[in-house]
Amino acid sequence: VWTHDSKGFYYLASNRMEENTSRSELRIKYHTSCTSADSDRIIYTPESDGSILNLDVSGDVQRHVVTERAGSAIAAKVFFIPTANLSTRVIHLVEEARASYIFLGSDEALHYFQTDLGAPNGKIVSVDIEKATKIWKDVVPESQESMMGYQSAGGTFLPMIAGGRFVVPYQKDLKLSLK
């Protein structure tokens, strides 16, 4: 994911090719354009081996949104990496993986996620990340139908933002519908 000034990019890398490594770990690195990859800076390394990282960029390109899952688990941690200042540490939004979180997009400070926290059929929530106290608000509440999320037979179906509205795929009785 490129930085807002296009001077470099963040990427996911594995140390599997390096010698003398006791673990095979995925990490987030930063590469400055027109430099050697040997000088790339490690931005984040998960605490546990086998973590799955997903790297997205906010709509205002001011921060990268990262979700971290332990292996095949769907529960995730969520944090941000500001794009303007490499010396800034990661900013945690969800520190304990107790529910699934899928980043859907943002409108400046307001960030949207699909989650199953307190909603086994799924819901869409928002949070203003610039507020000192993070208050999660339901945007699309849970329904009796299951909101589609991760991989499904035939591909991935995720809610999306189109024209300022959410298009949400649901499944009931093995039938897919969009609302």
N, C-alpha and C. Protein backbone atom coordinates (compact mmCIF):
# COMPACT_ATOMS: atom_id res chain seq x y z
N VAL A 1 0.85 -1.17 0.00
CA VAL A 1 0.00 0.00 0.00
C VAL A 1 0.91 1.24 0.00
N TRP A 2 0.74 2.11 -0.99
CA TRP A 2 1.57 3.30 -1.13
C TRP A 2 1.25 4.34 -0.05
N THR A 3 2.26 5.13 0.32
CA THR A 3 2.05 6.22 1.26
C THR A 3 1.35 7.37 0.55
N HIS A 4 0.82 8.31 1.33
CA HIS A 4 0.08 9.44 0.76
C HIS A 4 0.94 10.30 -0.15
N ASP A 5 2.27 10.33 0.08
CA ASP A 5 3.16 11.15 -0.74
C ASP A 5 3.86 10.35 -1.85
N SER A 6 3.56 9.08 -1.96
CA SER A 6 4.13 8.17 -2.98
C SER A 6 5.64 8.02 -2.88
N LYS A 7 6.21 8.30 -1.72
CA LYS A 7 7.66 8.13 -1.53
C LYS A 7 8.04 6.72 -1.13
N GLY A 8 7.06 5.90 -0.82
CA GLY A 8 7.32 4.54 -0.42
C GLY A 8 6.03 3.78 -0.24
N PHE A 9 6.15 2.53 0.19
CA PHE A 9 4.95 1.72 0.40
C PHE A 9 5.17 0.73 1.52
N TYR A 10 4.05 0.32 2.10
CA TYR A 10 4.03 -0.72 3.12
C TYR A 10 3.67 -2.03 2.44
N TYR A 11 4.24 -3.12 2.93
CA TYR A 11 3.91 -4.42 2.35
C TYR A 11 4.06 -5.51 3.40
N LEU A 12 3.45 -6.66 3.11
CA LEU A 12 3.55 -7.82 3.99
C LEU A 12 4.71 -8.67 3.50
N ALA A 13 5.54 -9.11 4.44
CA ALA A 13 6.72 -9.91 4.08
C ALA A 13 6.85 -11.07 5.06
N SER A 14 7.47 -12.13 4.60
CA SER A 14 7.75 -13.29 5.43
C SER A 14 9.25 -13.43 5.54
N ASN A 15 9.72 -13.96 6.67
CA ASN A 15 11.16 -14.17 6.82
C ASN A 15 11.57 -15.58 6.42
N ARG A 16 10.72 -16.30 5.72
CA ARG A 16 11.01 -17.70 5.38
C ARG A 16 12.31 -17.87 4.60
N MET A 17 12.72 -16.87 3.86
CA MET A 17 13.92 -16.99 3.03
C MET A 17 15.19 -16.62 3.79
N GLU A 18 15.05 -16.07 5.00
CA GLU A 18 16.21 -15.64 5.76
C GLU A 18 16.83 -16.83 6.49
N GLU A 19 18.13 -16.76 6.68
CA GLU A 19 18.83 -17.81 7.41
C GLU A 19 18.72 -17.57 8.91
N ASN A 20 18.92 -18.64 9.67
CA ASN A 20 18.96 -18.58 11.14
C ASN A 20 17.68 -18.02 11.74
N THR A 21 16.54 -18.37 11.19
CA THR A 21 15.28 -17.94 11.79
C THR A 21 14.62 -19.14 12.45
N SER A 22 14.16 -18.96 13.67
CA SER A 22 13.53 -20.06 14.40
C SER A 22 12.03 -20.11 14.13
N ARG A 23 11.47 -19.00 13.64
CA ARG A 23 10.03 -18.93 13.36
C ARG A 23 9.82 -18.46 11.93
N SER A 24 8.68 -18.81 11.41
CA SER A 24 8.29 -18.29 10.12
C SER A 24 7.22 -17.25 10.39
N GLU A 25 7.58 -16.00 10.27
CA GLU A 25 6.63 -14.95 10.66
C GLU A 25 6.35 -13.98 9.53
N LEU A 26 5.12 -13.52 9.53
CA LEU A 26 4.68 -12.50 8.60
C LEU A 26 4.82 -11.16 9.32
N ARG A 27 5.23 -10.14 8.63
CA ARG A 27 5.39 -8.83 9.25
C ARG A 27 5.11 -7.74 8.23
N ILE A 28 4.92 -6.52 8.74
CA ILE A 28 4.70 -5.37 7.88
C ILE A 28 6.01 -4.61 7.78
N LYS A 29 6.40 -4.33 6.53
CA LYS A 29 7.64 -3.59 6.31
C LYS A 29 7.34 -2.34 5.49
N TYR A 30 8.27 -1.38 5.54
CA TYR A 30 8.15 -0.15 4.76
C TYR A 30 9.35 -0.06 3.82
N HIS A 31 9.06 0.23 2.56
CA HIS A 31 10.11 0.37 1.55
C HIS A 31 10.09 1.79 1.00
N THR A 32 11.22 2.45 1.02
CA THR A 32 11.38 3.77 0.43
C THR A 32 11.73 3.58 -1.05
N SER A 33 11.05 4.30 -1.93
CA SER A 33 11.30 4.18 -3.36
C SER A 33 12.76 4.44 -3.69
N CYS A 34 13.26 3.73 -4.68
CA CYS A 34 14.62 3.88 -5.21
C CYS A 34 15.70 3.54 -4.18
N THR A 35 15.40 2.66 -3.24
CA THR A 35 16.40 2.18 -2.29
C THR A 35 16.44 0.66 -2.34
N SER A 36 17.46 0.10 -1.74
CA SER A 36 17.60 -1.35 -1.69
C SER A 36 16.59 -1.93 -0.70
N ALA A 37 16.08 -3.10 -1.02
CA ALA A 37 15.14 -3.78 -0.11
C ALA A 37 15.82 -4.16 1.20
N ASP A 38 17.15 -4.25 1.19
CA ASP A 38 17.89 -4.56 2.42
C ASP A 38 17.71 -3.49 3.50
N SER A 39 17.36 -2.28 3.09
CA SER A 39 17.19 -1.20 4.06
C SER A 39 15.73 -0.99 4.47
N ASP A 40 14.84 -1.88 4.03
CA ASP A 40 13.43 -1.75 4.40
C ASP A 40 13.27 -1.88 5.91
N ARG A 41 12.40 -1.06 6.44
CA ARG A 41 12.19 -1.00 7.88
C ARG A 41 11.03 -1.91 8.30
N ILE A 42 11.23 -2.69 9.36
CA ILE A 42 10.14 -3.51 9.91
C ILE A 42 9.27 -2.59 10.76
N ILE A 43 8.00 -2.51 10.41
CA ILE A 43 7.05 -1.65 11.10
C ILE A 43 6.31 -2.41 12.19
N TYR A 44 5.96 -3.66 11.91
CA TYR A 44 5.20 -4.44 12.87
C TYR A 44 5.48 -5.92 12.69
N THR A 45 5.67 -6.62 13.81
CA THR A 45 5.81 -8.06 13.82
C THR A 45 4.83 -8.63 14.84
N PRO A 46 3.96 -9.53 14.43
CA PRO A 46 3.01 -10.12 15.38
C PRO A 46 3.74 -10.85 16.51
N GLU A 47 3.07 -10.92 17.66
CA GLU A 47 3.66 -11.61 18.81
C GLU A 47 3.71 -13.11 18.61
N SER A 48 2.73 -13.67 17.89
CA SER A 48 2.68 -15.12 17.73
C SER A 48 2.98 -15.54 16.30
N ASP A 49 3.61 -16.68 16.20
CA ASP A 49 3.93 -17.25 14.90
C ASP A 49 2.63 -17.74 14.26
N GLY A 50 2.49 -17.59 12.97
CA GLY A 50 1.32 -18.07 12.26
C GLY A 50 0.19 -17.06 12.16
N SER A 51 0.42 -15.82 12.59
CA SER A 51 -0.62 -14.80 12.48
C SER A 51 -0.85 -14.43 11.02
N ILE A 52 -2.09 -14.10 10.71
CA ILE A 52 -2.47 -13.64 9.38
C ILE A 52 -2.73 -12.14 9.48
N LEU A 53 -2.10 -11.35 8.64
CA LEU A 53 -2.27 -9.91 8.64
C LEU A 53 -2.99 -9.49 7.37
N ASN A 54 -3.87 -8.50 7.51
CA ASN A 54 -4.53 -7.91 6.36
C ASN A 54 -4.27 -6.42 6.42
N LEU A 55 -3.75 -5.84 5.35
CA LEU A 55 -3.34 -4.44 5.31
C LEU A 55 -4.20 -3.68 4.31
N ASP A 56 -4.90 -2.64 4.80
CA ASP A 56 -5.75 -1.79 3.96
C ASP A 56 -5.35 -0.34 4.20
N VAL A 57 -5.89 0.56 3.40
CA VAL A 57 -5.62 1.99 3.59
C VAL A 57 -6.95 2.70 3.81
N SER A 58 -6.95 3.69 4.71
CA SER A 58 -8.17 4.46 4.97
C SER A 58 -8.50 5.32 3.76
N GLY A 59 -9.75 5.76 3.69
CA GLY A 59 -10.20 6.55 2.55
C GLY A 59 -9.46 7.86 2.38
N ASP A 60 -8.99 8.45 3.49
CA ASP A 60 -8.24 9.70 3.41
C ASP A 60 -6.74 9.47 3.26
N VAL A 61 -6.33 8.21 3.15
CA VAL A 61 -4.94 7.79 2.95
C VAL A 61 -4.03 8.29 4.09
N GLN A 62 -4.57 8.56 5.24
CA GLN A 62 -3.78 9.03 6.37
C GLN A 62 -3.29 7.89 7.26
N ARG A 63 -3.88 6.72 7.10
CA ARG A 63 -3.49 5.61 7.95
C ARG A 63 -3.75 4.28 7.25
N HIS A 64 -2.95 3.31 7.63
CA HIS A 64 -3.19 1.94 7.18
C HIS A 64 -3.97 1.24 8.28
N VAL A 65 -4.94 0.46 7.88
CA VAL A 65 -5.76 -0.29 8.81
C VAL A 65 -5.30 -1.74 8.72
N VAL A 66 -4.94 -2.31 9.87
CA VAL A 66 -4.43 -3.67 9.90
C VAL A 66 -5.32 -4.53 10.77
N THR A 67 -5.71 -5.69 10.25
CA THR A 67 -6.38 -6.69 11.07
C THR A 67 -5.43 -7.87 11.19
N GLU A 68 -5.37 -8.41 12.40
CA GLU A 68 -4.47 -9.54 12.69
C GLU A 68 -5.27 -10.68 13.28
N ARG A 69 -5.18 -11.83 12.63
CA ARG A 69 -5.86 -13.03 13.10
C ARG A 69 -4.82 -14.10 13.40
N ALA A 70 -5.11 -14.93 14.40
CA ALA A 70 -4.22 -16.04 14.76
C ALA A 70 -4.56 -17.23 13.88
N GLY A 71 -3.72 -17.47 12.87
CA GLY A 71 -3.91 -18.62 11.98
C GLY A 71 -5.27 -18.62 11.31
N SER A 72 -6.03 -19.71 11.48
CA SER A 72 -7.33 -19.84 10.82
C SER A 72 -8.48 -19.26 11.64
N ALA A 73 -8.20 -18.65 12.78
CA ALA A 73 -9.26 -18.04 13.60
C ALA A 73 -9.89 -16.88 12.84
N ILE A 74 -11.17 -16.58 13.13
CA ILE A 74 -11.80 -15.43 12.50
C ILE A 74 -11.75 -14.20 13.41
N ALA A 75 -11.55 -14.41 14.70
CA ALA A 75 -11.44 -13.28 15.63
C ALA A 75 -10.17 -12.50 15.31
N ALA A 76 -10.25 -11.16 15.42
CA ALA A 76 -9.12 -10.33 14.99
C ALA A 76 -8.85 -9.17 15.93
N LYS A 77 -7.60 -8.75 15.92
CA LYS A 77 -7.19 -7.49 16.53
C LYS A 77 -7.21 -6.45 15.41
N VAL A 78 -7.39 -5.18 15.76
CA VAL A 78 -7.40 -4.13 14.75
C VAL A 78 -6.51 -2.99 15.23
N PHE A 79 -5.66 -2.49 14.35
CA PHE A 79 -4.84 -1.33 14.69
C PHE A 79 -4.55 -0.50 13.45
N PHE A 80 -3.98 0.69 13.68
CA PHE A 80 -3.67 1.63 12.60
C PHE A 80 -2.19 1.93 12.59
N ILE A 81 -1.70 2.27 11.42
CA ILE A 81 -0.35 2.78 11.25
C ILE A 81 -0.47 4.09 10.49
N PRO A 82 -0.15 5.23 11.11
CA PRO A 82 -0.20 6.51 10.38
C PRO A 82 0.77 6.47 9.20
N THR A 83 0.37 7.00 8.06
CA THR A 83 1.21 6.95 6.86
C THR A 83 2.22 8.09 6.80
N ALA A 84 1.98 9.17 7.54
CA ALA A 84 2.84 10.35 7.41
C ALA A 84 4.10 10.28 8.25
N ASN A 85 4.13 9.47 9.31
CA ASN A 85 5.26 9.49 10.23
C ASN A 85 5.67 8.08 10.59
N LEU A 86 6.79 7.62 10.04
CA LEU A 86 7.25 6.26 10.30
C LEU A 86 7.67 6.04 11.75
N SER A 87 7.99 7.10 12.48
CA SER A 87 8.42 6.92 13.85
C SER A 87 7.23 6.69 14.79
N THR A 88 6.02 6.91 14.29
CA THR A 88 4.83 6.70 15.10
C THR A 88 4.58 5.20 15.25
N ARG A 89 4.27 4.79 16.45
CA ARG A 89 3.97 3.38 16.71
C ARG A 89 2.55 3.07 16.25
N VAL A 90 2.24 1.80 16.22
CA VAL A 90 0.90 1.40 15.84
C VAL A 90 -0.09 1.88 16.90
N ILE A 91 -1.30 2.19 16.47
CA ILE A 91 -2.37 2.66 17.35
C ILE A 91 -3.42 1.57 17.41
N HIS A 92 -3.58 0.95 18.56
CA HIS A 92 -4.51 -0.17 18.71
C HIS A 92 -5.94 0.32 18.84
N LEU A 93 -6.83 -0.32 18.13
CA LEU A 93 -8.26 -0.05 18.21
C LEU A 93 -8.97 -1.21 18.92
N VAL A 94 -8.64 -2.43 18.54
CA VAL A 94 -9.15 -3.64 19.18
C VAL A 94 -7.93 -4.46 19.59
N GLU A 95 -7.65 -4.51 20.90
CA GLU A 95 -6.43 -5.16 21.37
C GLU A 95 -6.56 -6.65 21.63
N GLU A 96 -7.77 -7.13 21.87
CA GLU A 96 -7.97 -8.55 22.11
C GLU A 96 -8.88 -9.12 21.04
N ALA A 97 -8.47 -10.24 20.47
CA ALA A 97 -9.23 -10.87 19.40
C ALA A 97 -10.39 -11.67 20.00
N ARG A 98 -11.54 -11.01 20.14
CA ARG A 98 -12.73 -11.67 20.70
C ARG A 98 -13.85 -11.82 19.67
N ALA A 99 -13.73 -11.16 18.54
CA ALA A 99 -14.75 -11.20 17.49
C ALA A 99 -14.06 -10.96 16.15
N SER A 100 -14.80 -11.22 15.08
CA SER A 100 -14.24 -10.94 13.75
C SER A 100 -14.42 -9.46 13.43
N TYR A 101 -13.48 -8.90 12.72
CA TYR A 101 -13.56 -7.53 12.23
C TYR A 101 -13.02 -7.52 10.81
N ILE A 102 -13.81 -6.96 9.91
CA ILE A 102 -13.38 -6.79 8.52
C ILE A 102 -13.52 -5.31 8.20
N PHE A 103 -12.43 -4.66 7.82
CA PHE A 103 -12.46 -3.24 7.47
C PHE A 103 -13.17 -3.09 6.13
N LEU A 104 -14.19 -2.21 6.11
CA LEU A 104 -14.98 -2.00 4.89
C LEU A 104 -14.66 -0.69 4.19
N GLY A 105 -14.19 0.30 4.95
CA GLY A 105 -13.88 1.60 4.36
C GLY A 105 -13.99 2.68 5.41
N SER A 106 -13.76 3.92 4.97
CA SER A 106 -13.81 5.04 5.91
C SER A 106 -14.25 6.30 5.20
N ASP A 107 -14.72 7.22 6.01
CA ASP A 107 -15.06 8.56 5.57
C ASP A 107 -14.36 9.49 6.55
N GLU A 108 -13.13 9.89 6.21
CA GLU A 108 -12.24 10.64 7.09
C GLU A 108 -12.03 9.87 8.39
N ALA A 109 -12.44 10.41 9.54
CA ALA A 109 -12.17 9.74 10.83
C ALA A 109 -13.14 8.60 11.12
N LEU A 110 -14.26 8.55 10.43
CA LEU A 110 -15.26 7.51 10.68
C LEU A 110 -14.89 6.25 9.88
N HIS A 111 -14.63 5.17 10.60
CA HIS A 111 -14.23 3.91 9.98
C HIS A 111 -15.32 2.87 10.18
N TYR A 112 -15.55 2.05 9.14
CA TYR A 112 -16.62 1.06 9.14
C TYR A 112 -16.04 -0.35 9.11
N PHE A 113 -16.63 -1.22 9.92
CA PHE A 113 -16.20 -2.61 10.02
C PHE A 113 -17.42 -3.52 10.03
N GLN A 114 -17.26 -4.70 9.45
CA GLN A 114 -18.23 -5.77 9.65
C GLN A 114 -17.71 -6.57 10.83
N THR A 115 -18.59 -6.93 11.75
CA THR A 115 -18.19 -7.70 12.93
C THR A 115 -19.30 -8.65 13.34
N ASP A 116 -18.93 -9.64 14.16
CA ASP A 116 -19.91 -10.52 14.76
C ASP A 116 -19.94 -10.34 16.28
N LEU A 117 -19.37 -9.25 16.77
CA LEU A 117 -19.35 -8.96 18.21
C LEU A 117 -20.79 -8.71 18.69
N GLY A 118 -21.30 -9.63 19.48
CA GLY A 118 -22.68 -9.52 19.97
C GLY A 118 -23.72 -9.71 18.89
N ALA A 119 -23.31 -10.21 17.73
CA ALA A 119 -24.23 -10.37 16.60
C ALA A 119 -23.78 -11.58 15.77
N PRO A 120 -24.19 -12.79 16.15
CA PRO A 120 -23.72 -13.98 15.43
C PRO A 120 -24.00 -13.96 13.92
N ASN A 121 -25.06 -13.25 13.49
CA ASN A 121 -25.36 -13.16 12.06
C ASN A 121 -24.63 -12.02 11.38
N GLY A 122 -23.88 -11.24 12.14
CA GLY A 122 -23.08 -10.15 11.58
C GLY A 122 -23.81 -8.81 11.60
N LYS A 123 -23.04 -7.74 11.68
CA LYS A 123 -23.56 -6.38 11.62
C LYS A 123 -22.43 -5.47 11.15
N ILE A 124 -22.79 -4.24 10.78
CA ILE A 124 -21.79 -3.25 10.38
C ILE A 124 -21.79 -2.15 11.44
N VAL A 125 -20.59 -1.81 11.89
CA VAL A 125 -20.43 -0.80 12.93
C VAL A 125 -19.50 0.30 12.44
N SER A 126 -19.57 1.44 13.11
CA SER A 126 -18.65 2.54 12.80
C SER A 126 -17.99 2.99 14.09
N VAL A 127 -16.82 3.61 13.95
CA VAL A 127 -16.10 4.19 15.09
C VAL A 127 -15.33 5.40 14.58
N ASP A 128 -15.39 6.48 15.35
CA ASP A 128 -14.63 7.68 15.04
C ASP A 128 -13.27 7.53 15.71
N ILE A 129 -12.24 7.31 14.92
CA ILE A 129 -10.93 7.00 15.48
C ILE A 129 -10.20 8.22 16.03
N GLU A 130 -10.71 9.43 15.76
CA GLU A 130 -10.05 10.62 16.29
C GLU A 130 -10.56 11.02 17.66
N LYS A 131 -11.63 10.41 18.11
CA LYS A 131 -12.16 10.70 19.44
C LYS A 131 -11.34 9.95 20.48
N ALA A 132 -11.14 10.58 21.63
CA ALA A 132 -10.36 9.95 22.70
C ALA A 132 -11.02 8.66 23.17
N THR A 133 -12.33 8.69 23.34
CA THR A 133 -13.08 7.49 23.73
C THR A 133 -13.69 6.89 22.46
N LYS A 134 -13.33 5.66 22.19
CA LYS A 134 -13.82 4.99 20.97
C LYS A 134 -15.20 4.40 21.25
N ILE A 135 -16.21 4.96 20.62
CA ILE A 135 -17.59 4.50 20.78
C ILE A 135 -18.03 3.85 19.48
N TRP A 136 -18.33 2.56 19.56
CA TRP A 136 -18.78 1.80 18.40
C TRP A 136 -20.28 1.99 18.25
N LYS A 137 -20.72 2.29 17.04
CA LYS A 137 -22.14 2.48 16.76
C LYS A 137 -22.58 1.51 15.68
N ASP A 138 -23.75 0.90 15.89
CA ASP A 138 -24.32 0.03 14.86
C ASP A 138 -24.81 0.87 13.70
N VAL A 139 -24.39 0.54 12.49
CA VAL A 139 -24.82 1.23 11.28
C VAL A 139 -25.84 0.37 10.54
N VAL A 140 -25.52 -0.91 10.39
CA VAL A 140 -26.45 -1.90 9.83
C VAL A 140 -26.57 -2.99 10.90
N PRO A 141 -27.69 -3.00 11.62
CA PRO A 141 -27.82 -3.96 12.72
C PRO A 141 -27.95 -5.40 12.24
N GLU A 142 -27.77 -6.32 13.16
CA GLU A 142 -27.93 -7.75 12.87
C GLU A 142 -29.36 -8.02 12.44
N SER A 143 -29.52 -8.95 11.49
CA SER A 143 -30.86 -9.36 11.06
C SER A 143 -30.99 -10.86 11.26
N GLN A 144 -32.12 -11.40 10.89
CA GLN A 144 -32.33 -12.85 11.02
C GLN A 144 -31.57 -13.61 9.95
N GLU A 145 -31.20 -12.93 8.88
CA GLU A 145 -30.39 -13.55 7.83
C GLU A 145 -28.92 -13.36 8.18
N SER A 146 -28.08 -14.26 7.69
CA SER A 146 -26.65 -14.18 7.95
C SER A 146 -25.98 -13.22 6.97
N MET A 147 -25.29 -12.22 7.50
CA MET A 147 -24.51 -11.30 6.67
C MET A 147 -23.28 -12.05 6.19
N MET A 148 -23.04 -12.02 4.90
CA MET A 148 -21.88 -12.72 4.33
C MET A 148 -20.61 -12.00 4.75
N GLY A 149 -19.54 -12.78 4.90
CA GLY A 149 -18.28 -12.21 5.33
C GLY A 149 -17.13 -12.83 4.60
N TYR A 150 -16.44 -13.72 5.23
CA TYR A 150 -15.22 -14.30 4.68
C TYR A 150 -15.48 -15.15 3.45
N GLN A 151 -14.55 -16.03 3.14
CA GLN A 151 -14.66 -16.87 1.95
C GLN A 151 -15.94 -17.70 1.97
N SER A 152 -16.58 -17.74 0.86
CA SER A 152 -17.76 -18.57 0.66
C SER A 152 -17.55 -19.38 -0.60
N ALA A 153 -18.29 -20.43 -0.76
CA ALA A 153 -18.16 -21.24 -1.97
C ALA A 153 -18.37 -20.34 -3.18
N GLY A 154 -17.42 -20.34 -4.08
CA GLY A 154 -17.54 -19.55 -5.29
C GLY A 154 -16.91 -18.17 -5.19
N GLY A 155 -16.37 -17.81 -4.04
CA GLY A 155 -15.70 -16.51 -3.94
C GLY A 155 -15.96 -15.81 -2.62
N THR A 156 -15.55 -14.57 -2.55
CA THR A 156 -15.69 -13.79 -1.34
C THR A 156 -16.84 -12.80 -1.52
N PHE A 157 -17.72 -12.76 -0.56
CA PHE A 157 -18.82 -11.81 -0.56
C PHE A 157 -18.69 -10.95 0.68
N LEU A 158 -18.45 -9.67 0.50
CA LEU A 158 -18.32 -8.74 1.61
C LEU A 158 -19.26 -7.57 1.39
N PRO A 159 -19.75 -6.99 2.48
CA PRO A 159 -20.48 -5.74 2.32
C PRO A 159 -19.57 -4.70 1.69
N MET A 160 -20.14 -3.76 0.98
CA MET A 160 -19.33 -2.71 0.37
C MET A 160 -20.08 -1.38 0.42
N ILE A 161 -19.33 -0.32 0.30
CA ILE A 161 -19.91 1.02 0.28
C ILE A 161 -19.95 1.47 -1.18
N ALA A 162 -21.13 1.84 -1.65
CA ALA A 162 -21.30 2.28 -3.03
C ALA A 162 -22.25 3.47 -3.04
N GLY A 163 -21.80 4.59 -3.53
CA GLY A 163 -22.64 5.77 -3.60
C GLY A 163 -23.11 6.26 -2.24
N GLY A 164 -22.25 6.09 -1.23
CA GLY A 164 -22.60 6.53 0.12
C GLY A 164 -23.55 5.61 0.86
N ARG A 165 -23.83 4.44 0.30
CA ARG A 165 -24.73 3.48 0.93
C ARG A 165 -24.03 2.13 1.02
N PHE A 166 -24.51 1.31 1.93
CA PHE A 166 -23.97 -0.05 2.06
C PHE A 166 -24.75 -1.01 1.18
N VAL A 167 -24.03 -1.87 0.48
CA VAL A 167 -24.62 -2.99 -0.24
C VAL A 167 -24.17 -4.22 0.55
N VAL A 168 -25.15 -4.93 1.12
CA VAL A 168 -24.83 -6.00 2.05
C VAL A 168 -25.36 -7.33 1.52
N PRO A 169 -24.46 -8.31 1.35
CA PRO A 169 -24.91 -9.65 0.94
C PRO A 169 -25.36 -10.46 2.15
N TYR A 170 -26.53 -11.08 2.03
CA TYR A 170 -27.07 -11.93 3.08
C TYR A 170 -27.31 -13.32 2.52
N GLN A 171 -27.32 -14.29 3.42
CA GLN A 171 -27.63 -15.66 3.00
C GLN A 171 -28.69 -16.23 3.93
N LYS A 172 -29.71 -16.83 3.33
CA LYS A 172 -30.75 -17.53 4.09
C LYS A 172 -31.21 -18.71 3.26
N ASP A 173 -31.29 -19.86 3.89
CA ASP A 173 -31.72 -21.09 3.20
C ASP A 173 -30.92 -21.32 1.92
N LEU A 174 -29.63 -21.08 1.99
CA LEU A 174 -28.69 -21.26 0.89
C LEU A 174 -28.95 -20.34 -0.29
N LYS A 175 -29.71 -19.26 -0.08
CA LYS A 175 -29.96 -18.29 -1.13
C LYS A 175 -29.27 -16.99 -0.77
N LEU A 176 -28.63 -16.39 -1.75
CA LEU A 176 -27.91 -15.13 -1.55
C LEU A 176 -28.81 -13.98 -1.99
N SER A 177 -28.84 -12.92 -1.17
CA SER A 177 -29.58 -11.73 -1.56
C SER A 177 -28.74 -10.50 -1.20
N LEU A 178 -28.93 -9.41 -1.93
CA LEU A 178 -28.24 -8.15 -1.67
C LEU A 178 -29.26 -7.14 -1.19
N LYS A 179 -28.94 -6.44 -0.13
CA LYS A 179 -29.84 -5.43 0.41
C LYS A 179 -29.08 -4.15 0.65
